[in-house]
Structures are given as C-alpha cells and as structure tokens.
C-alpha cells in the first residue's frame, strides 16, 4: 500500500483521490511505524521549507523516510516534498534538507514572475519509469518560487524552461521528485502518478 505522509503541510486528499481513481490504494498517515512499513511513500508539501523540515523532525518522520529509502521502497516527493529531498535550501536563510539527493534549492531568478504559477512544458532528458509515455513538450501545472539544482546532472530526468532551465523531475535509485502538482496536471499528471503506482506494485511483487 502507498502511504502519503501527513506532517501538517500539503494538499493530501487530492493526491490520494487521484491515486484511488487510478486504482491504487493510498492512505494518509502521520505514524512513523506505518510509513516505515509502506510499499510506497509519497512526501507532498506546500509552504515554507524550514517549517516543513521542522515538522518532519518533530513528528519523528525523518528516520522513517530514511528507513524506506534504505529498503528500496519507491519514494516520491511532490513540490515542496521534492525540494526537501535535497541537501540544503536558501529559502529564508540556509536550511538543511533530507540530503537524499545531493544538491541545493535555489530561488527563481528576479527576471521572471515569482511565484511561477501555471502550465509549462516538460522536456525529458533521460528515460525513467516515472516518465514512461510522457511526450516532449507535455504541459504540467506549477506553483513554486524555488527550484532544485542537483549536484549530479544524472539525477535530472526532466527540465522545464521558465527564464532558466530548471529540474522539474529528478531521480536517484528509488528516490524521485516532481516540482509540479500531478493531481492538477490533467492526463499528464495522472500518467505520472500511474507510472509511480506501477513502480510500487512491481517493486512489491519483486520483493515477494
């Protein structure tokens, strides 16, 4: 079963409903024991990076996330959840992230309207199961003021052009992140959630 982490920040119900519409069972939970035992884990999030990390730590969820990563469980970060996968963020000072994918979270440049809000294209840079069936130039829906800059370019699966080319989908081993909101991104977003659900199902079958 897929567990969606509830740490007090994020539109959890819409992601859950989207997964259920696709035929995947997904529960919302804040219990570290349930997350550690999950077959797939989604880390959503909206709001401030510092507050989100503080909530994860105070809820005892950081260790649970690290345990699922060590077990090879597919972990998907969405929007702020993706940003927390990286090492540090410069939002309102310098703050430490989960450091699961080495890199930084940086503010979008002044030359563009911030926050970045609306539909923009995905450009697939490398093949990955998460983006199976995604076509060059497919549109997805963004709401963010910061972007991720992984240290290793090989972690970048998709980029998006918004004044600069920024990483909009990243992956390292069983850890994945998407900057946009899949539940608001029409058929393309649902396709990515379906791909994630299939990855969880296949990983579970392999584990059995």
N, C-alpha and C. Protein backbone atom coordinates (compact mmCIF):
# COMPACT_ATOMS: atom_id res chain seq x y z
N UNK A 1 0.83 -1.20 0.00
CA UNK A 1 0.00 0.00 0.00
C UNK A 1 0.87 1.25 0.00
N UNK A 2 0.39 2.30 -0.68
CA UNK A 2 1.09 3.57 -0.71
C UNK A 2 0.66 4.41 0.50
N UNK A 3 1.63 4.99 1.16
CA UNK A 3 1.36 5.89 2.29
C UNK A 3 1.74 7.32 1.90
N UNK A 4 0.81 8.24 2.12
CA UNK A 4 1.05 9.66 1.90
C UNK A 4 1.34 10.30 3.25
N UNK A 5 2.51 10.92 3.38
CA UNK A 5 2.95 11.44 4.67
C UNK A 5 2.20 12.71 5.03
N UNK A 6 1.56 12.69 6.20
CA UNK A 6 0.87 13.87 6.74
C UNK A 6 1.74 14.46 7.84
N UNK A 7 2.34 15.60 7.55
CA UNK A 7 3.14 16.29 8.56
C UNK A 7 2.65 17.73 8.74
N UNK A 8 1.38 17.94 8.36
CA UNK A 8 0.73 19.23 8.59
C UNK A 8 0.88 20.23 7.47
N UNK A 9 1.51 19.84 6.34
CA UNK A 9 1.70 20.79 5.24
C UNK A 9 1.50 20.07 3.91
N UNK A 10 0.42 20.42 3.21
CA UNK A 10 0.23 19.80 1.90
C UNK A 10 -1.22 19.49 1.61
N UNK A 11 -1.55 19.46 0.33
CA UNK A 11 -2.90 19.11 -0.11
C UNK A 11 -2.92 17.60 -0.31
N UNK A 12 -3.16 16.87 0.76
CA UNK A 12 -3.00 15.42 0.73
C UNK A 12 -4.17 14.71 0.06
N UNK A 13 -5.37 15.19 0.29
CA UNK A 13 -6.56 14.47 -0.16
C UNK A 13 -6.63 14.40 -1.68
N UNK A 14 -6.20 15.46 -2.37
CA UNK A 14 -6.29 15.46 -3.82
C UNK A 14 -5.35 14.43 -4.43
N UNK A 15 -4.16 14.26 -3.86
CA UNK A 15 -3.23 13.24 -4.34
C UNK A 15 -3.79 11.85 -4.07
N UNK A 16 -4.36 11.67 -2.88
CA UNK A 16 -4.97 10.39 -2.54
C UNK A 16 -6.10 10.02 -3.50
N UNK A 17 -6.97 10.99 -3.78
CA UNK A 17 -8.10 10.74 -4.68
C UNK A 17 -7.63 10.41 -6.09
N UNK A 18 -6.58 11.11 -6.54
CA UNK A 18 -6.05 10.84 -7.88
C UNK A 18 -5.51 9.42 -7.98
N UNK A 19 -4.80 8.96 -6.95
CA UNK A 19 -4.27 7.60 -6.95
C UNK A 19 -5.40 6.57 -6.90
N UNK A 20 -6.41 6.84 -6.09
CA UNK A 20 -7.53 5.91 -5.98
C UNK A 20 -8.31 5.84 -7.30
N UNK A 21 -8.42 6.97 -7.99
CA UNK A 21 -9.07 7.00 -9.30
C UNK A 21 -8.33 6.09 -10.29
N UNK A 22 -7.02 5.99 -10.12
CA UNK A 22 -6.20 5.16 -10.99
C UNK A 22 -6.16 3.70 -10.54
N UNK A 23 -6.78 3.40 -9.40
CA UNK A 23 -6.86 2.03 -8.94
C UNK A 23 -5.80 1.63 -7.93
N UNK A 24 -5.13 2.61 -7.34
CA UNK A 24 -4.09 2.32 -6.35
C UNK A 24 -4.58 2.73 -4.96
N UNK A 25 -4.40 1.84 -3.99
CA UNK A 25 -4.81 2.15 -2.62
C UNK A 25 -3.77 3.04 -1.97
N UNK A 26 -4.21 4.15 -1.40
CA UNK A 26 -3.30 5.11 -0.78
C UNK A 26 -3.93 5.63 0.51
N UNK A 27 -3.19 5.57 1.59
CA UNK A 27 -3.65 6.06 2.89
C UNK A 27 -2.81 7.26 3.31
N UNK A 28 -3.46 8.18 3.99
CA UNK A 28 -2.77 9.32 4.58
C UNK A 28 -2.44 8.98 6.03
N UNK A 29 -1.18 9.18 6.42
CA UNK A 29 -0.78 8.82 7.78
C UNK A 29 0.34 9.72 8.30
N UNK A 30 0.37 9.88 9.59
CA UNK A 30 1.47 10.60 10.24
C UNK A 30 2.24 9.68 11.18
N UNK A 31 1.93 8.38 11.14
CA UNK A 31 2.55 7.42 12.04
C UNK A 31 3.87 6.90 11.46
N UNK A 32 4.99 7.14 12.11
CA UNK A 32 6.27 6.66 11.60
C UNK A 32 6.30 5.17 11.33
N UNK A 33 5.64 4.38 12.18
CA UNK A 33 5.65 2.92 12.00
C UNK A 33 4.95 2.50 10.72
N UNK A 34 3.85 3.19 10.36
CA UNK A 34 3.12 2.87 9.14
C UNK A 34 3.94 3.27 7.91
N UNK A 35 4.61 4.39 7.99
CA UNK A 35 5.42 4.86 6.86
C UNK A 35 6.61 3.92 6.65
N UNK A 36 7.24 3.51 7.75
CA UNK A 36 8.40 2.62 7.64
C UNK A 36 8.03 1.27 7.03
N UNK A 37 6.77 0.85 7.18
CA UNK A 37 6.33 -0.45 6.67
C UNK A 37 5.64 -0.36 5.31
N UNK A 38 5.59 0.83 4.72
CA UNK A 38 4.86 1.05 3.47
C UNK A 38 5.56 0.42 2.27
N UNK A 39 4.78 0.13 1.23
CA UNK A 39 5.32 -0.39 -0.02
C UNK A 39 5.69 0.73 -0.98
N UNK A 40 5.12 1.91 -0.75
CA UNK A 40 5.44 3.12 -1.50
C UNK A 40 5.14 4.31 -0.61
N UNK A 41 5.92 5.37 -0.71
CA UNK A 41 5.75 6.54 0.16
C UNK A 41 5.77 7.80 -0.68
N UNK A 42 4.79 8.68 -0.43
CA UNK A 42 4.74 9.98 -1.09
C UNK A 42 4.91 11.07 -0.05
N UNK A 43 5.85 11.98 -0.33
CA UNK A 43 6.11 13.13 0.53
C UNK A 43 5.62 14.37 -0.20
N UNK A 44 4.41 14.85 0.13
CA UNK A 44 3.88 16.04 -0.53
C UNK A 44 4.35 17.30 0.19
N UNK A 45 3.78 18.45 -0.16
CA UNK A 45 4.11 19.63 0.60
C UNK A 45 3.85 20.93 -0.12
N UNK A 46 3.33 21.89 0.62
CA UNK A 46 3.25 23.28 0.19
C UNK A 46 3.65 24.14 1.38
N UNK A 47 4.20 25.32 1.11
CA UNK A 47 4.59 26.20 2.20
C UNK A 47 6.09 26.39 2.28
N UNK A 48 6.57 26.70 3.49
CA UNK A 48 7.97 27.07 3.69
C UNK A 48 8.83 25.85 4.01
N UNK A 49 10.00 25.80 3.41
CA UNK A 49 10.94 24.70 3.58
C UNK A 49 11.32 24.51 5.05
N UNK A 50 11.69 25.59 5.73
CA UNK A 50 12.13 25.49 7.13
C UNK A 50 11.05 24.88 8.02
N UNK A 51 9.81 25.36 7.85
CA UNK A 51 8.70 24.86 8.66
C UNK A 51 8.43 23.38 8.36
N UNK A 52 8.50 23.03 7.09
CA UNK A 52 8.23 21.64 6.71
C UNK A 52 9.26 20.69 7.31
N UNK A 53 10.54 21.05 7.23
CA UNK A 53 11.58 20.20 7.81
C UNK A 53 11.42 20.10 9.33
N UNK A 54 11.06 21.22 9.95
CA UNK A 54 10.86 21.21 11.41
C UNK A 54 9.72 20.28 11.79
N UNK A 55 8.65 20.29 11.00
CA UNK A 55 7.51 19.40 11.26
C UNK A 55 7.88 17.94 11.08
N UNK A 56 8.66 17.65 10.04
CA UNK A 56 9.10 16.26 9.83
C UNK A 56 9.93 15.78 11.01
N UNK A 57 10.84 16.62 11.47
CA UNK A 57 11.72 16.23 12.58
C UNK A 57 10.94 16.06 13.88
N UNK A 58 10.05 17.01 14.18
CA UNK A 58 9.31 16.95 15.45
C UNK A 58 8.32 15.79 15.48
N UNK A 59 7.90 15.34 14.30
CA UNK A 59 6.95 14.22 14.21
C UNK A 59 7.66 12.87 14.18
N UNK A 60 8.97 12.86 14.20
CA UNK A 60 9.73 11.62 14.17
C UNK A 60 9.68 10.91 12.83
N UNK A 61 9.45 11.69 11.75
CA UNK A 61 9.25 11.08 10.43
C UNK A 61 10.52 10.98 9.60
N UNK A 62 11.56 11.71 9.97
CA UNK A 62 12.80 11.68 9.18
C UNK A 62 13.40 10.28 9.17
N UNK A 63 13.46 9.65 10.33
CA UNK A 63 14.03 8.30 10.40
C UNK A 63 13.21 7.31 9.58
N UNK A 64 11.89 7.46 9.61
CA UNK A 64 11.02 6.57 8.83
C UNK A 64 11.29 6.71 7.34
N UNK A 65 11.48 7.94 6.88
CA UNK A 65 11.77 8.18 5.47
C UNK A 65 13.10 7.55 5.10
N UNK A 66 14.09 7.70 5.96
CA UNK A 66 15.41 7.10 5.68
C UNK A 66 15.32 5.58 5.64
N UNK A 67 14.49 5.00 6.49
CA UNK A 67 14.35 3.54 6.52
C UNK A 67 13.75 3.02 5.21
N UNK A 68 12.72 3.71 4.71
CA UNK A 68 12.10 3.22 3.48
C UNK A 68 13.07 3.37 2.30
N UNK A 69 13.87 4.42 2.32
CA UNK A 69 14.87 4.60 1.26
C UNK A 69 15.89 3.47 1.29
N UNK A 70 16.35 3.13 2.50
CA UNK A 70 17.35 2.07 2.64
C UNK A 70 16.79 0.72 2.19
N UNK A 71 15.49 0.52 2.35
CA UNK A 71 14.87 -0.75 1.94
C UNK A 71 14.57 -0.81 0.44
N UNK A 72 14.77 0.30 -0.25
CA UNK A 72 14.49 0.32 -1.68
C UNK A 72 13.06 0.61 -2.05
N UNK A 73 12.27 1.09 -1.08
CA UNK A 73 10.87 1.43 -1.33
C UNK A 73 10.79 2.69 -2.20
N UNK A 74 9.96 2.71 -3.24
CA UNK A 74 9.83 3.90 -4.07
C UNK A 74 9.30 5.10 -3.27
N UNK A 75 10.09 6.17 -3.24
CA UNK A 75 9.74 7.40 -2.53
C UNK A 75 9.56 8.51 -3.55
N UNK A 76 8.41 9.18 -3.50
CA UNK A 76 8.11 10.27 -4.42
C UNK A 76 7.86 11.56 -3.66
N UNK A 77 8.67 12.57 -3.90
CA UNK A 77 8.45 13.90 -3.34
C UNK A 77 7.72 14.78 -4.35
N UNK A 78 6.72 15.51 -3.88
CA UNK A 78 5.93 16.38 -4.76
C UNK A 78 6.07 17.83 -4.29
N UNK A 79 6.44 18.72 -5.21
CA UNK A 79 6.56 20.16 -4.97
C UNK A 79 7.54 20.42 -3.82
N UNK A 80 7.08 20.96 -2.69
CA UNK A 80 7.98 21.17 -1.55
C UNK A 80 8.58 19.85 -1.08
N UNK A 81 7.82 18.78 -1.19
CA UNK A 81 8.33 17.46 -0.82
C UNK A 81 9.53 17.07 -1.66
N UNK A 82 9.53 17.44 -2.93
CA UNK A 82 10.70 17.21 -3.78
C UNK A 82 11.89 18.03 -3.29
N UNK A 83 11.65 19.28 -2.96
CA UNK A 83 12.74 20.15 -2.53
C UNK A 83 13.40 19.64 -1.25
N UNK A 84 12.61 19.05 -0.37
CA UNK A 84 13.17 18.54 0.88
C UNK A 84 14.07 17.32 0.69
N UNK A 85 13.99 16.70 -0.49
CA UNK A 85 14.87 15.57 -0.76
C UNK A 85 16.33 16.00 -0.88
N UNK A 86 16.56 17.30 -1.18
CA UNK A 86 17.92 17.77 -1.42
C UNK A 86 18.64 18.15 -0.14
N UNK A 87 19.88 18.59 -0.29
CA UNK A 87 20.76 18.82 0.87
C UNK A 87 20.42 20.09 1.64
N UNK A 88 20.26 21.20 0.90
CA UNK A 88 20.03 22.50 1.54
C UNK A 88 19.05 23.34 0.73
N UNK A 89 18.43 24.31 1.40
CA UNK A 89 17.58 25.29 0.73
C UNK A 89 17.97 26.68 1.19
N UNK A 90 17.94 27.64 0.25
CA UNK A 90 18.26 29.03 0.58
C UNK A 90 17.00 29.84 0.88
N UNK A 91 15.86 29.16 1.04
CA UNK A 91 14.62 29.88 1.33
C UNK A 91 14.64 30.44 2.76
N UNK A 92 14.59 31.77 2.87
CA UNK A 92 14.60 32.44 4.18
C UNK A 92 15.81 32.03 5.03
N UNK A 93 17.00 32.07 4.43
CA UNK A 93 18.22 31.63 5.12
C UNK A 93 18.70 30.33 4.51
N UNK A 94 19.62 29.68 5.18
CA UNK A 94 20.13 28.39 4.69
C UNK A 94 19.67 27.30 5.64
N UNK A 95 18.98 26.31 5.10
CA UNK A 95 18.40 25.25 5.93
C UNK A 95 18.73 23.88 5.36
N UNK A 96 18.92 22.92 6.24
CA UNK A 96 19.26 21.56 5.83
C UNK A 96 18.01 20.79 5.43
N UNK A 97 18.14 20.03 4.33
CA UNK A 97 17.08 19.14 3.90
C UNK A 97 17.38 17.71 4.30
N UNK A 98 16.73 16.77 3.65
CA UNK A 98 16.92 15.35 3.96
C UNK A 98 18.24 14.82 3.39
N UNK A 99 18.80 15.51 2.41
CA UNK A 99 20.09 15.15 1.80
C UNK A 99 20.05 13.74 1.20
N UNK A 100 18.93 13.38 0.61
CA UNK A 100 18.80 12.09 -0.06
C UNK A 100 19.30 12.17 -1.50
N UNK A 101 19.16 13.34 -2.09
CA UNK A 101 19.74 13.64 -3.41
C UNK A 101 20.61 14.88 -3.23
N UNK A 102 21.94 14.76 -3.34
CA UNK A 102 22.82 15.91 -3.10
C UNK A 102 22.48 17.07 -4.04
N UNK A 103 22.39 18.27 -3.46
CA UNK A 103 22.09 19.44 -4.27
C UNK A 103 21.48 20.55 -3.43
N UNK A 104 21.12 21.63 -4.11
CA UNK A 104 20.62 22.84 -3.44
C UNK A 104 19.24 23.21 -3.97
N UNK A 105 18.49 23.91 -3.13
CA UNK A 105 17.23 24.52 -3.53
C UNK A 105 17.45 26.02 -3.61
N UNK A 106 17.23 26.59 -4.79
CA UNK A 106 17.55 27.99 -5.06
C UNK A 106 16.29 28.76 -5.46
N UNK A 107 16.33 30.09 -5.28
CA UNK A 107 15.20 30.92 -5.68
C UNK A 107 15.22 31.17 -7.18
N UNK A 108 14.03 31.16 -7.77
CA UNK A 108 13.92 31.51 -9.18
C UNK A 108 14.45 32.92 -9.40
N UNK A 109 15.04 33.20 -10.57
CA UNK A 109 15.68 34.50 -10.79
C UNK A 109 14.68 35.65 -10.83
N UNK A 110 15.17 36.85 -10.54
CA UNK A 110 14.33 38.04 -10.48
C UNK A 110 13.73 38.40 -11.84
N UNK A 111 14.33 37.93 -12.93
CA UNK A 111 13.87 38.30 -14.27
C UNK A 111 12.53 37.64 -14.63
N UNK A 112 12.08 36.69 -13.83
CA UNK A 112 10.79 36.04 -14.10
C UNK A 112 9.80 36.36 -13.00
N UNK A 113 8.53 36.19 -13.28
CA UNK A 113 7.49 36.40 -12.27
C UNK A 113 7.55 35.28 -11.24
N UNK A 114 7.63 35.67 -9.97
CA UNK A 114 7.69 34.71 -8.87
C UNK A 114 6.52 34.97 -7.94
N UNK A 115 5.73 33.97 -7.56
CA UNK A 115 5.95 32.56 -7.88
C UNK A 115 5.65 32.21 -9.33
N UNK A 116 6.29 31.14 -9.78
CA UNK A 116 5.97 30.53 -11.06
C UNK A 116 4.66 29.79 -10.88
N UNK A 117 3.63 30.26 -11.56
CA UNK A 117 2.30 29.69 -11.37
C UNK A 117 1.65 29.49 -12.73
N UNK A 118 1.41 28.25 -13.11
CA UNK A 118 0.74 27.99 -14.37
C UNK A 118 1.31 26.78 -15.10
N UNK A 119 0.91 26.64 -16.36
CA UNK A 119 1.25 25.47 -17.17
C UNK A 119 2.55 25.70 -17.93
N UNK A 120 3.46 24.76 -17.83
CA UNK A 120 4.71 24.81 -18.58
C UNK A 120 5.09 23.41 -19.05
N UNK A 121 6.01 23.37 -20.00
CA UNK A 121 6.35 22.11 -20.67
C UNK A 121 7.39 21.29 -19.91
N UNK A 122 7.29 20.00 -20.07
CA UNK A 122 8.32 19.07 -19.62
C UNK A 122 9.19 18.69 -20.82
N UNK A 123 10.49 18.72 -20.62
CA UNK A 123 11.42 18.21 -21.63
C UNK A 123 12.18 17.04 -21.01
N UNK A 124 11.93 15.87 -21.51
CA UNK A 124 12.54 14.67 -20.95
C UNK A 124 14.01 14.61 -21.34
N UNK A 125 14.88 14.52 -20.33
CA UNK A 125 16.33 14.49 -20.56
C UNK A 125 16.89 13.08 -20.55
N UNK A 126 16.20 12.17 -19.89
CA UNK A 126 16.66 10.78 -19.83
C UNK A 126 15.46 9.87 -19.57
N UNK A 127 15.58 8.64 -19.97
CA UNK A 127 14.50 7.68 -19.74
C UNK A 127 14.42 7.30 -18.26
N UNK A 128 13.21 7.16 -17.79
CA UNK A 128 12.98 6.72 -16.41
C UNK A 128 11.55 6.19 -16.33
N UNK A 129 11.30 5.13 -15.55
CA UNK A 129 9.95 4.58 -15.45
C UNK A 129 8.89 5.60 -15.05
N UNK A 130 9.27 6.62 -14.28
CA UNK A 130 8.31 7.62 -13.83
C UNK A 130 7.73 8.43 -14.99
N UNK A 131 8.49 8.59 -16.07
CA UNK A 131 8.03 9.42 -17.18
C UNK A 131 7.73 8.58 -18.43
N UNK A 132 7.49 7.31 -18.26
CA UNK A 132 7.08 6.46 -19.38
C UNK A 132 5.80 7.01 -20.02
N UNK A 133 5.82 7.18 -21.32
CA UNK A 133 4.64 7.68 -22.02
C UNK A 133 4.51 9.19 -22.05
N UNK A 134 5.44 9.90 -21.41
CA UNK A 134 5.43 11.37 -21.45
C UNK A 134 6.08 11.83 -22.75
N UNK A 135 5.41 12.72 -23.46
CA UNK A 135 5.90 13.18 -24.75
C UNK A 135 6.63 14.51 -24.61
N UNK A 136 7.60 14.78 -25.48
CA UNK A 136 8.30 16.07 -25.44
C UNK A 136 7.31 17.23 -25.54
N UNK A 137 7.41 18.16 -24.60
CA UNK A 137 6.53 19.33 -24.63
C UNK A 137 5.21 19.16 -23.92
N UNK A 138 4.98 18.02 -23.26
CA UNK A 138 3.75 17.86 -22.47
C UNK A 138 3.70 18.92 -21.37
N UNK A 139 2.50 19.45 -21.12
CA UNK A 139 2.33 20.51 -20.13
C UNK A 139 1.92 19.94 -18.76
N UNK A 140 2.46 20.56 -17.70
CA UNK A 140 2.06 20.26 -16.32
C UNK A 140 1.92 21.57 -15.56
N UNK A 141 1.30 21.50 -14.38
CA UNK A 141 0.94 22.72 -13.64
C UNK A 141 1.86 22.95 -12.45
N UNK A 142 2.47 24.15 -12.42
CA UNK A 142 3.44 24.52 -11.39
C UNK A 142 2.90 25.61 -10.48
N UNK A 143 3.32 25.56 -9.20
CA UNK A 143 3.17 26.68 -8.26
C UNK A 143 4.38 26.63 -7.34
N UNK A 144 5.39 27.47 -7.61
CA UNK A 144 6.59 27.45 -6.76
C UNK A 144 7.43 28.70 -6.98
N UNK A 145 8.27 29.00 -5.98
CA UNK A 145 9.18 30.14 -6.05
C UNK A 145 10.64 29.70 -6.03
N UNK A 146 10.88 28.44 -5.72
CA UNK A 146 12.23 27.89 -5.63
C UNK A 146 12.33 26.66 -6.53
N UNK A 147 13.54 26.33 -6.93
CA UNK A 147 13.76 25.18 -7.80
C UNK A 147 14.96 24.38 -7.28
N UNK A 148 15.05 23.13 -7.70
CA UNK A 148 16.13 22.27 -7.23
C UNK A 148 17.27 22.26 -8.24
N UNK A 149 18.48 22.20 -7.73
CA UNK A 149 19.68 22.11 -8.54
C UNK A 149 20.53 20.96 -8.02
N UNK A 150 20.29 19.74 -8.51
CA UNK A 150 21.08 18.59 -8.04
C UNK A 150 22.55 18.75 -8.40
N UNK A 151 23.43 18.24 -7.53
CA UNK A 151 24.87 18.28 -7.81
C UNK A 151 25.23 17.45 -9.03
N UNK A 152 24.55 16.32 -9.17
CA UNK A 152 24.83 15.40 -10.26
C UNK A 152 23.78 15.56 -11.36
N UNK A 153 24.21 15.96 -12.55
CA UNK A 153 23.27 16.17 -13.66
C UNK A 153 22.53 14.89 -14.02
N UNK A 154 23.11 13.74 -13.68
CA UNK A 154 22.47 12.47 -13.99
C UNK A 154 21.18 12.27 -13.19
N UNK A 155 20.99 13.06 -12.13
CA UNK A 155 19.76 12.97 -11.34
C UNK A 155 18.59 13.66 -12.01
N UNK A 156 18.84 14.46 -13.05
CA UNK A 156 17.79 15.22 -13.72
C UNK A 156 17.12 14.36 -14.78
N UNK A 157 15.82 14.12 -14.61
CA UNK A 157 15.04 13.33 -15.57
C UNK A 157 14.33 14.25 -16.57
N UNK A 158 13.75 15.34 -16.06
CA UNK A 158 13.09 16.32 -16.93
C UNK A 158 13.50 17.73 -16.53
N UNK A 159 13.50 18.62 -17.51
CA UNK A 159 13.71 20.04 -17.26
C UNK A 159 12.51 20.83 -17.77
N UNK A 160 12.38 22.05 -17.24
CA UNK A 160 11.34 22.97 -17.69
C UNK A 160 11.97 24.34 -17.88
N UNK A 161 11.58 25.03 -18.94
CA UNK A 161 12.10 26.35 -19.25
C UNK A 161 11.17 27.41 -18.67
N UNK A 162 11.68 28.17 -17.70
CA UNK A 162 10.95 29.31 -17.15
C UNK A 162 11.98 30.40 -16.86
N UNK A 163 12.44 31.04 -17.91
CA UNK A 163 13.53 32.01 -17.77
C UNK A 163 14.88 31.34 -17.67
N UNK A 164 14.92 30.24 -16.92
CA UNK A 164 16.07 29.34 -16.86
C UNK A 164 15.55 27.92 -17.06
N UNK A 165 16.43 27.02 -17.40
CA UNK A 165 16.06 25.60 -17.43
C UNK A 165 16.28 25.02 -16.04
N UNK A 166 15.22 24.60 -15.39
CA UNK A 166 15.36 24.01 -14.06
C UNK A 166 14.88 22.57 -14.07
N UNK A 167 15.36 21.78 -13.11
CA UNK A 167 14.98 20.37 -13.00
C UNK A 167 13.54 20.28 -12.48
N UNK A 168 12.67 19.68 -13.27
CA UNK A 168 11.28 19.53 -12.86
C UNK A 168 10.92 18.10 -12.47
N UNK A 169 11.77 17.13 -12.86
CA UNK A 169 11.66 15.75 -12.39
C UNK A 169 13.08 15.26 -12.11
N UNK A 170 13.29 14.70 -10.92
CA UNK A 170 14.61 14.18 -10.56
C UNK A 170 14.45 12.76 -10.04
N UNK A 171 15.55 12.01 -10.09
CA UNK A 171 15.52 10.65 -9.57
C UNK A 171 16.92 10.17 -9.27
N UNK A 172 17.03 9.41 -8.20
CA UNK A 172 18.28 8.74 -7.84
C UNK A 172 17.89 7.42 -7.17
N UNK A 173 18.21 6.31 -7.82
CA UNK A 173 17.82 4.99 -7.30
C UNK A 173 16.30 4.94 -7.11
N UNK A 174 15.83 4.68 -5.89
CA UNK A 174 14.40 4.58 -5.62
C UNK A 174 13.79 5.90 -5.14
N UNK A 175 14.57 6.98 -5.23
CA UNK A 175 14.11 8.30 -4.76
C UNK A 175 13.76 9.15 -5.97
N UNK A 176 12.54 9.72 -5.98
CA UNK A 176 12.09 10.53 -7.10
C UNK A 176 11.43 11.80 -6.61
N UNK A 177 11.47 12.84 -7.44
CA UNK A 177 10.82 14.09 -7.08
C UNK A 177 10.26 14.78 -8.31
N UNK A 178 9.10 15.42 -8.14
CA UNK A 178 8.50 16.22 -9.21
C UNK A 178 8.13 17.58 -8.63
N UNK A 179 8.46 18.65 -9.37
CA UNK A 179 8.24 20.00 -8.88
C UNK A 179 6.79 20.45 -9.07
N UNK A 180 6.12 19.92 -10.06
CA UNK A 180 4.74 20.32 -10.38
C UNK A 180 3.74 19.52 -9.55
N UNK A 181 2.47 19.87 -9.71
CA UNK A 181 1.39 19.17 -8.99
C UNK A 181 0.72 18.19 -9.94
N UNK A 182 0.96 16.89 -9.80
CA UNK A 182 0.39 15.93 -10.75
C UNK A 182 -1.13 15.88 -10.70
N UNK A 183 -1.69 16.07 -9.51
CA UNK A 183 -3.14 15.99 -9.37
C UNK A 183 -3.85 17.16 -10.04
N UNK A 184 -3.09 18.23 -10.38
CA UNK A 184 -3.66 19.39 -11.07
C UNK A 184 -3.22 19.45 -12.53
N UNK A 185 -2.50 18.41 -12.98
CA UNK A 185 -1.87 18.45 -14.30
C UNK A 185 -2.57 17.57 -15.33
N UNK A 186 -3.88 17.42 -15.18
CA UNK A 186 -4.70 16.72 -16.17
C UNK A 186 -4.15 15.32 -16.47
N UNK A 187 -4.27 14.88 -17.72
CA UNK A 187 -3.92 13.50 -18.07
C UNK A 187 -2.43 13.22 -17.92
N UNK A 188 -1.59 14.24 -18.12
CA UNK A 188 -0.14 14.04 -17.99
C UNK A 188 0.23 13.75 -16.53
N UNK A 189 -0.35 14.52 -15.61
CA UNK A 189 -0.09 14.28 -14.20
C UNK A 189 -0.58 12.92 -13.75
N UNK A 190 -1.77 12.53 -14.23
CA UNK A 190 -2.30 11.21 -13.88
C UNK A 190 -1.42 10.10 -14.43
N UNK A 191 -0.87 10.32 -15.61
CA UNK A 191 0.01 9.32 -16.21
C UNK A 191 1.25 9.11 -15.34
N UNK A 192 1.80 10.20 -14.80
CA UNK A 192 2.97 10.10 -13.94
C UNK A 192 2.62 9.40 -12.63
N UNK A 193 1.46 9.72 -12.06
CA UNK A 193 1.02 9.03 -10.85
C UNK A 193 0.78 7.55 -11.12
N UNK A 194 0.23 7.23 -12.29
CA UNK A 194 0.03 5.83 -12.66
C UNK A 194 1.38 5.11 -12.77
N UNK A 195 2.35 5.77 -13.41
CA UNK A 195 3.69 5.19 -13.52
C UNK A 195 4.28 4.92 -12.14
N UNK A 196 4.09 5.87 -11.22
CA UNK A 196 4.60 5.66 -9.86
C UNK A 196 3.90 4.48 -9.20
N UNK A 197 2.58 4.43 -9.32
CA UNK A 197 1.83 3.31 -8.74
C UNK A 197 2.28 1.96 -9.29
N UNK A 198 2.56 1.91 -10.58
CA UNK A 198 3.05 0.67 -11.19
C UNK A 198 4.45 0.31 -10.67
N UNK A 199 5.28 1.33 -10.43
CA UNK A 199 6.61 1.08 -9.87
C UNK A 199 6.49 0.47 -8.47
N UNK A 200 5.55 0.98 -7.68
CA UNK A 200 5.34 0.43 -6.34
C UNK A 200 4.85 -1.01 -6.43
N UNK A 201 3.90 -1.26 -7.32
CA UNK A 201 3.34 -2.61 -7.48
C UNK A 201 4.43 -3.59 -7.93
N UNK A 202 5.22 -3.17 -8.90
CA UNK A 202 6.28 -4.04 -9.41
C UNK A 202 7.37 -4.29 -8.37
N UNK A 203 7.68 -3.26 -7.59
CA UNK A 203 8.68 -3.42 -6.52
C UNK A 203 8.18 -4.38 -5.45
N UNK A 204 6.87 -4.30 -5.17
CA UNK A 204 6.27 -5.19 -4.17
C UNK A 204 6.30 -6.63 -4.65
N UNK A 205 5.95 -6.84 -5.93
CA UNK A 205 5.97 -8.19 -6.49
C UNK A 205 7.38 -8.76 -6.46
N UNK A 206 8.36 -7.93 -6.83
CA UNK A 206 9.75 -8.36 -6.82
C UNK A 206 10.22 -8.70 -5.41
N UNK A 207 9.71 -7.90 -4.43
CA UNK A 207 10.09 -8.14 -3.05
C UNK A 207 9.52 -9.42 -2.50
N UNK A 208 8.36 -9.83 -3.02
CA UNK A 208 7.77 -11.09 -2.58
C UNK A 208 8.48 -12.28 -3.20
